[in-house]
Amino acid sequence: VSVGKLTKLKELDLEKNDLTGQIPDLRNCSDLYELDLEGNALTGTIPDWLGTLPQLEILVLWNNQDISGTIPTALCEETGTVQVFVDCNDSN
């Protein structure tokens, strides 16, 4: 089963799991309130769909290999508090 198909998923902590590639597509996980991908080897841009997750409160992307781009505007416009941790990527 693909994690992105777990529509009732509320919290996903994959910290320090040696994940590579891009941030996994979780746009269908509309109940997700915490996504922790810290300490992996993820690359690519921060996807816009992260801003469409209505329950997202905590997003942790720091200490990855090379994540770039801007934080989706929708994350900053929500009425709830969203904590975003994205610094300290190991970009060369």
N, C-alpha and C. Protein backbone atom coordinates (compact mmCIF):
# COMPACT_ATOMS: atom_id res chain seq x y z
N VAL A 1 0.85 -1.18 0.00
CA VAL A 1 0.00 0.00 0.00
C VAL A 1 0.89 1.24 0.00
N SER A 2 0.58 2.17 -0.88
CA SER A 2 1.29 3.43 -0.92
C SER A 2 0.84 4.30 0.25
N VAL A 3 1.79 4.95 0.91
CA VAL A 3 1.45 5.81 2.05
C VAL A 3 0.47 6.90 1.62
N GLY A 4 0.60 7.39 0.39
CA GLY A 4 -0.28 8.44 -0.11
C GLY A 4 -1.73 8.03 -0.23
N LYS A 5 -2.01 6.75 -0.14
CA LYS A 5 -3.39 6.25 -0.22
C LYS A 5 -4.04 6.08 1.15
N LEU A 6 -3.28 6.34 2.19
CA LEU A 6 -3.80 6.24 3.56
C LEU A 6 -4.50 7.55 3.92
N THR A 7 -5.71 7.72 3.44
CA THR A 7 -6.41 9.00 3.53
C THR A 7 -6.73 9.42 4.96
N LYS A 8 -6.75 8.52 5.90
CA LYS A 8 -7.06 8.85 7.31
C LYS A 8 -5.81 9.02 8.16
N LEU A 9 -4.64 8.97 7.53
CA LEU A 9 -3.37 9.13 8.23
C LEU A 9 -3.32 10.49 8.92
N LYS A 10 -2.95 10.51 10.19
CA LYS A 10 -2.92 11.76 10.95
C LYS A 10 -1.49 12.24 11.22
N GLU A 11 -0.57 11.33 11.46
CA GLU A 11 0.80 11.70 11.78
C GLU A 11 1.74 10.74 11.06
N LEU A 12 2.77 11.31 10.43
CA LEU A 12 3.76 10.47 9.74
C LEU A 12 5.14 10.95 10.15
N ASP A 13 5.85 10.10 10.88
CA ASP A 13 7.20 10.42 11.36
C ASP A 13 8.17 9.43 10.71
N LEU A 14 8.88 9.92 9.69
CA LEU A 14 9.89 9.11 9.00
C LEU A 14 11.28 9.70 9.22
N GLU A 15 11.47 10.28 10.38
CA GLU A 15 12.74 10.91 10.73
C GLU A 15 13.87 9.88 10.71
N LYS A 16 14.99 10.27 10.07
CA LYS A 16 16.22 9.47 10.03
C LYS A 16 15.99 8.06 9.53
N ASN A 17 15.38 7.93 8.35
CA ASN A 17 15.12 6.63 7.74
C ASN A 17 15.87 6.43 6.43
N ASP A 18 16.85 7.29 6.16
CA ASP A 18 17.65 7.18 4.93
C ASP A 18 16.80 7.23 3.66
N LEU A 19 15.72 7.98 3.70
CA LEU A 19 14.88 8.14 2.50
C LEU A 19 15.61 8.99 1.48
N THR A 20 15.47 8.65 0.21
CA THR A 20 16.06 9.41 -0.88
C THR A 20 14.97 9.81 -1.86
N GLY A 21 15.31 10.71 -2.76
CA GLY A 21 14.35 11.16 -3.77
C GLY A 21 13.58 12.37 -3.29
N GLN A 22 12.42 12.56 -3.88
CA GLN A 22 11.60 13.72 -3.55
C GLN A 22 10.66 13.43 -2.39
N ILE A 23 10.08 14.49 -1.86
CA ILE A 23 9.09 14.35 -0.79
C ILE A 23 7.93 13.50 -1.33
N PRO A 24 7.54 12.44 -0.61
CA PRO A 24 6.48 11.56 -1.11
C PRO A 24 5.15 12.30 -1.26
N ASP A 25 4.39 11.90 -2.26
CA ASP A 25 3.11 12.54 -2.55
C ASP A 25 2.06 12.08 -1.54
N LEU A 26 1.67 12.99 -0.68
CA LEU A 26 0.69 12.70 0.37
C LEU A 26 -0.54 13.59 0.23
N ARG A 27 -0.77 14.12 -0.95
CA ARG A 27 -1.85 15.09 -1.14
C ARG A 27 -3.23 14.53 -0.79
N ASN A 28 -3.40 13.21 -0.80
CA ASN A 28 -4.70 12.61 -0.47
C ASN A 28 -4.88 12.37 1.03
N CYS A 29 -3.86 12.66 1.81
CA CYS A 29 -3.90 12.45 3.27
C CYS A 29 -4.46 13.71 3.93
N SER A 30 -5.71 13.97 3.72
CA SER A 30 -6.32 15.23 4.16
C SER A 30 -6.42 15.38 5.67
N ASP A 31 -6.26 14.30 6.44
CA ASP A 31 -6.29 14.38 7.90
C ASP A 31 -4.90 14.55 8.51
N LEU A 32 -3.87 14.56 7.68
CA LEU A 32 -2.49 14.64 8.17
C LEU A 32 -2.24 15.97 8.88
N TYR A 33 -1.83 15.91 10.14
CA TYR A 33 -1.54 17.14 10.89
C TYR A 33 -0.06 17.28 11.19
N GLU A 34 0.71 16.18 11.11
CA GLU A 34 2.16 16.28 11.34
C GLU A 34 2.90 15.42 10.33
N LEU A 35 3.88 16.04 9.65
CA LEU A 35 4.73 15.33 8.70
C LEU A 35 6.18 15.63 9.08
N ASP A 36 6.89 14.60 9.53
CA ASP A 36 8.28 14.76 9.96
C ASP A 36 9.17 13.91 9.05
N LEU A 37 9.94 14.59 8.19
CA LEU A 37 10.87 13.93 7.28
C LEU A 37 12.31 14.34 7.58
N GLU A 38 12.57 14.77 8.79
CA GLU A 38 13.90 15.24 9.20
C GLU A 38 14.96 14.16 9.06
N GLY A 39 16.18 14.60 8.68
CA GLY A 39 17.33 13.72 8.73
C GLY A 39 17.36 12.62 7.69
N ASN A 40 16.82 12.86 6.53
CA ASN A 40 16.89 11.90 5.43
C ASN A 40 17.79 12.47 4.34
N ALA A 41 17.72 11.93 3.16
CA ALA A 41 18.51 12.44 2.03
C ALA A 41 17.57 12.88 0.90
N LEU A 42 16.49 13.56 1.27
CA LEU A 42 15.51 14.00 0.29
C LEU A 42 16.05 15.17 -0.53
N THR A 43 15.60 15.26 -1.77
CA THR A 43 16.01 16.33 -2.68
C THR A 43 14.78 16.87 -3.39
N GLY A 44 14.97 17.93 -4.15
CA GLY A 44 13.88 18.50 -4.93
C GLY A 44 13.27 19.71 -4.26
N THR A 45 12.15 20.13 -4.80
CA THR A 45 11.50 21.32 -4.28
C THR A 45 10.39 20.95 -3.29
N ILE A 46 10.02 21.94 -2.49
CA ILE A 46 8.90 21.76 -1.57
C ILE A 46 7.62 21.82 -2.42
N PRO A 47 6.84 20.73 -2.45
CA PRO A 47 5.67 20.70 -3.33
C PRO A 47 4.54 21.62 -2.87
N ASP A 48 3.86 22.23 -3.86
CA ASP A 48 2.74 23.12 -3.56
C ASP A 48 1.59 22.40 -2.86
N TRP A 49 1.41 21.11 -3.14
CA TRP A 49 0.27 20.40 -2.55
C TRP A 49 0.34 20.37 -1.01
N LEU A 50 1.52 20.60 -0.42
CA LEU A 50 1.59 20.65 1.04
C LEU A 50 0.67 21.74 1.59
N GLY A 51 0.49 22.80 0.81
CA GLY A 51 -0.38 23.88 1.22
C GLY A 51 -1.86 23.55 1.13
N THR A 52 -2.19 22.40 0.56
CA THR A 52 -3.60 22.01 0.42
C THR A 52 -4.06 21.04 1.51
N LEU A 53 -3.14 20.66 2.40
CA LEU A 53 -3.51 19.76 3.48
C LEU A 53 -4.16 20.57 4.60
N PRO A 54 -5.48 20.46 4.76
CA PRO A 54 -6.21 21.36 5.66
C PRO A 54 -5.86 21.21 7.14
N GLN A 55 -5.39 20.05 7.56
CA GLN A 55 -5.11 19.80 8.98
C GLN A 55 -3.64 19.97 9.35
N LEU A 56 -2.77 20.19 8.36
CA LEU A 56 -1.34 20.22 8.62
C LEU A 56 -0.96 21.33 9.60
N GLU A 57 -0.33 20.95 10.70
CA GLU A 57 0.11 21.89 11.72
C GLU A 57 1.62 21.90 11.88
N ILE A 58 2.26 20.76 11.64
CA ILE A 58 3.71 20.65 11.83
C ILE A 58 4.33 20.00 10.59
N LEU A 59 5.31 20.69 10.01
CA LEU A 59 6.02 20.19 8.84
C LEU A 59 7.52 20.30 9.13
N VAL A 60 8.22 19.17 9.18
CA VAL A 60 9.64 19.15 9.50
C VAL A 60 10.40 18.57 8.32
N LEU A 61 11.23 19.42 7.69
CA LEU A 61 12.00 18.99 6.52
C LEU A 61 13.50 19.21 6.69
N TRP A 62 13.94 19.67 7.83
CA TRP A 62 15.35 20.04 7.96
C TRP A 62 16.26 18.82 7.98
N ASN A 63 17.55 19.12 7.76
CA ASN A 63 18.60 18.10 7.71
C ASN A 63 18.35 17.04 6.64
N ASN A 64 18.00 17.50 5.46
CA ASN A 64 17.92 16.64 4.29
C ASN A 64 19.03 17.03 3.33
N GLN A 65 19.17 16.30 2.25
CA GLN A 65 20.29 16.54 1.35
C GLN A 65 20.17 17.86 0.61
N ASP A 66 19.06 18.09 -0.07
CA ASP A 66 18.95 19.31 -0.87
C ASP A 66 17.49 19.59 -1.20
N ILE A 67 16.77 20.11 -0.25
CA ILE A 67 15.38 20.53 -0.50
C ILE A 67 15.41 22.03 -0.73
N SER A 68 14.78 22.45 -1.82
CA SER A 68 14.82 23.87 -2.18
C SER A 68 13.42 24.36 -2.51
N GLY A 69 13.36 25.62 -2.86
CA GLY A 69 12.09 26.22 -3.24
C GLY A 69 11.50 27.05 -2.13
N THR A 70 10.29 27.46 -2.34
CA THR A 70 9.61 28.31 -1.36
C THR A 70 8.56 27.50 -0.61
N ILE A 71 8.27 27.97 0.58
CA ILE A 71 7.19 27.37 1.37
C ILE A 71 5.88 27.75 0.71
N PRO A 72 5.00 26.80 0.43
CA PRO A 72 3.72 27.14 -0.21
C PRO A 72 2.98 28.25 0.55
N THR A 73 2.54 29.24 -0.19
CA THR A 73 1.85 30.38 0.39
C THR A 73 0.66 29.96 1.24
N ALA A 74 -0.05 28.93 0.82
CA ALA A 74 -1.23 28.49 1.55
C ALA A 74 -0.89 28.08 2.98
N LEU A 75 0.32 27.58 3.23
CA LEU A 75 0.70 27.21 4.60
C LEU A 75 0.78 28.44 5.49
N CYS A 76 1.11 29.57 4.91
CA CYS A 76 1.25 30.81 5.67
C CYS A 76 -0.07 31.55 5.82
N GLU A 77 -1.05 31.19 5.03
CA GLU A 77 -2.33 31.91 5.02
C GLU A 77 -3.41 31.24 5.85
N GLU A 78 -3.17 30.02 6.30
CA GLU A 78 -4.18 29.32 7.08
C GLU A 78 -4.43 30.04 8.40
N THR A 79 -5.62 29.88 8.93
CA THR A 79 -5.96 30.52 10.20
C THR A 79 -5.32 29.82 11.39
N GLY A 80 -5.04 28.52 11.25
CA GLY A 80 -4.38 27.78 12.33
C GLY A 80 -2.89 28.01 12.30
N THR A 81 -2.23 27.65 13.37
CA THR A 81 -0.79 27.81 13.45
C THR A 81 -0.12 26.63 12.76
N VAL A 82 0.77 26.92 11.81
CA VAL A 82 1.55 25.89 11.14
C VAL A 82 3.01 26.11 11.49
N GLN A 83 3.65 25.10 12.06
CA GLN A 83 5.07 25.18 12.38
C GLN A 83 5.82 24.51 11.24
N VAL A 84 6.74 25.25 10.63
CA VAL A 84 7.50 24.73 9.50
C VAL A 84 8.98 24.79 9.85
N PHE A 85 9.66 23.66 9.75
CA PHE A 85 11.09 23.56 10.03
C PHE A 85 11.79 23.09 8.76
N VAL A 86 12.52 24.00 8.09
CA VAL A 86 13.11 23.64 6.81
C VAL A 86 14.58 24.01 6.68
N ASP A 87 15.20 24.60 7.67
CA ASP A 87 16.60 25.04 7.52
C ASP A 87 17.57 23.87 7.69
N CYS A 88 18.84 24.15 7.52
CA CYS A 88 19.93 23.20 7.75
C CYS A 88 19.97 22.06 6.75
N ASN A 89 19.53 22.27 5.51
CA ASN A 89 19.69 21.24 4.48
C ASN A 89 21.14 21.23 4.06
N ASP A 90 21.63 20.10 3.64
CA ASP A 90 23.03 19.92 3.29
C ASP A 90 23.27 20.21 1.81
N SER A 91 22.81 21.32 1.32
CA SER A 91 22.97 21.67 -0.08
C SER A 91 24.43 21.96 -0.39
N ASN A 92 24.91 21.38 -1.49
CA ASN A 92 26.30 21.60 -1.90
C ASN A 92 26.40 22.73 -2.89
